[in-house]
Amino acid sequence: QVQLLESGGGLVQPGGSLRLSCAASGFTFSNVAMSWYRQAPGKERELVATISRTGGYTNYADSVKGRFTISRDNAKNTVYLQMNSLEPEDTAVYYCNAVARGYWGQGTQVTVSS
């Protein structure tokens, strides 16, 4: 059974940092590129970052470039999103996704507020 389990969300002040994790199971993780998406209230889900199967290629939305870093550990079947210099506009539910497989996690809430 395929499962993507996100964790690491929470409440943080502007300028703070969070590290999200997504633990995968039920498929060959190292064969699949992975992405993080987010969805803010009243807005469509948007792509935040993508990482290739080996981690050698990454891509980011313009809004997070220079602040967020996506990485993966294929030995642990886990993809990460390090988020620094957080802004209130980053408030959203963050989801991990197995690219082209249609697998989604349940999401983790990130709230940036003073």
Protein backbone atom coordinates (compact mmCIF):
# COMPACT_ATOMS: atom_id res chain seq x y z
CA GLN A 1 0.00 0.00 0.00
CA VAL A 2 1.42 3.35 -1.07
CA GLN A 3 1.80 5.89 1.71
CA LEU A 4 3.30 9.37 1.89
CA LEU A 5 3.40 10.75 5.41
CA GLU A 6 4.33 14.41 5.90
CA SER A 7 5.51 15.87 9.19
CA GLY A 8 7.27 18.91 10.57
CA GLY A 9 4.67 21.60 10.07
CA GLY A 10 3.67 24.06 12.75
CA LEU A 11 3.43 27.68 13.79
CA VAL A 12 6.50 29.84 13.24
CA GLN A 13 7.22 33.56 13.38
CA PRO A 14 8.16 35.51 10.25
CA GLY A 15 11.84 35.01 9.50
CA GLY A 16 11.86 31.61 11.14
CA SER A 17 12.59 28.16 9.75
CA LEU A 18 10.92 24.78 9.51
CA ARG A 19 11.96 21.46 8.05
CA LEU A 20 9.27 19.29 6.53
CA SER A 21 9.71 15.56 6.02
CA CYS A 22 7.80 13.11 3.85
CA ALA A 23 8.29 9.42 4.52
CA ALA A 24 7.37 7.17 1.61
CA SER A 25 6.44 3.51 1.53
CA GLY A 26 4.78 1.03 -0.79
CA PHE A 27 6.76 1.86 -3.91
CA THR A 28 10.38 2.06 -5.06
CA PHE A 29 11.18 5.53 -3.80
CA SER A 30 14.54 5.84 -5.56
CA ASN A 31 12.83 5.39 -8.95
CA VAL A 32 10.54 8.38 -8.57
CA ALA A 33 11.06 12.12 -8.71
CA MET A 34 9.37 13.90 -5.81
CA SER A 35 7.73 17.27 -5.36
CA TRP A 36 6.36 19.49 -2.64
CA TYR A 37 3.17 21.44 -3.28
CA ARG A 38 1.25 23.85 -1.09
CA GLN A 39 -2.29 25.14 -0.92
CA ALA A 40 -3.27 28.30 0.89
CA PRO A 41 -6.89 29.01 1.91
CA GLY A 42 -8.95 30.04 -1.09
CA LYS A 43 -6.11 29.41 -3.53
CA GLU A 44 -5.19 26.64 -5.93
CA ARG A 45 -2.55 24.10 -5.08
CA GLU A 46 0.85 25.25 -6.37
CA LEU A 47 4.11 23.50 -7.07
CA VAL A 48 6.85 24.55 -4.65
CA ALA A 49 9.84 22.35 -5.48
CA THR A 50 10.84 19.20 -7.34
CA ILE A 51 13.81 16.87 -6.96
CA SER A 52 14.98 14.18 -9.38
CA ARG A 53 15.33 10.52 -8.51
CA THR A 54 18.97 10.82 -7.50
CA GLY A 55 18.74 14.34 -6.12
CA GLY A 56 21.03 15.74 -8.77
CA TYR A 57 18.39 18.06 -10.17
CA THR A 58 16.14 20.43 -8.27
CA ASN A 59 13.69 23.11 -9.32
CA TYR A 60 11.83 25.77 -7.34
CA ALA A 61 8.96 28.17 -7.68
CA ASP A 62 10.19 31.74 -8.03
CA SER A 63 8.46 32.68 -4.78
CA VAL A 64 10.68 30.33 -2.72
CA LYS A 65 14.00 30.41 -4.58
CA GLY A 66 16.88 31.15 -2.25
CA ARG A 67 14.76 30.41 0.83
CA PHE A 68 13.65 26.78 0.46
CA THR A 69 15.75 23.69 -0.22
CA ILE A 70 14.42 20.31 -1.31
CA SER A 71 16.51 17.21 -0.63
CA ARG A 72 16.05 13.46 -0.36
CA ASP A 73 17.57 10.46 1.35
CA ASN A 74 16.88 7.37 -0.74
CA ALA A 75 18.22 5.11 2.00
CA LYS A 76 15.48 6.43 4.30
CA ASN A 77 12.79 6.77 1.61
CA THR A 78 12.32 10.35 2.71
CA VAL A 79 12.12 13.73 0.98
CA TYR A 80 12.66 16.97 2.88
CA LEU A 81 11.83 20.63 2.48
CA GLN A 82 14.00 23.04 4.44
CA MET A 83 12.20 26.38 4.68
CA ASN A 84 14.11 29.45 5.84
CA SER A 85 13.21 33.13 6.06
CA LEU A 86 9.55 32.21 6.22
CA GLU A 87 6.97 34.83 5.35
CA PRO A 88 3.25 35.05 6.18
CA GLU A 89 2.60 34.34 2.49
CA ASP A 90 4.11 30.88 2.98
CA THR A 91 1.18 29.90 5.19
CA ALA A 92 -0.45 26.85 3.60
CA VAL A 93 -0.95 23.13 3.81
CA TYR A 94 2.14 21.49 2.33
CA TYR A 95 1.86 18.19 0.46
CA CYS A 96 4.44 15.82 -0.93
CA ASN A 97 3.83 14.15 -4.26
CA ALA A 98 5.37 11.32 -6.22
CA VAL A 99 5.79 12.83 -9.67
CA ALA A 100 3.72 11.17 -12.42
CA ARG A 101 2.43 8.52 -10.00
CA GLY A 102 -0.53 10.35 -8.54
CA TYR A 103 0.53 9.62 -4.98
CA TRP A 104 -0.19 12.34 -2.42
CA GLY A 105 0.30 12.71 1.28
CA GLN A 106 -2.32 14.02 3.68
CA GLY A 107 -0.56 17.35 4.10
CA THR A 108 1.00 19.25 6.98
CA GLN A 109 -0.05 22.74 8.04
CA VAL A 110 2.52 25.54 8.06
CA THR A 111 1.46 28.81 9.64
CA VAL A 112 3.73 31.85 9.61
CA SER A 113 2.48 34.50 11.98
CA SER A 114 3.66 36.78 14.75
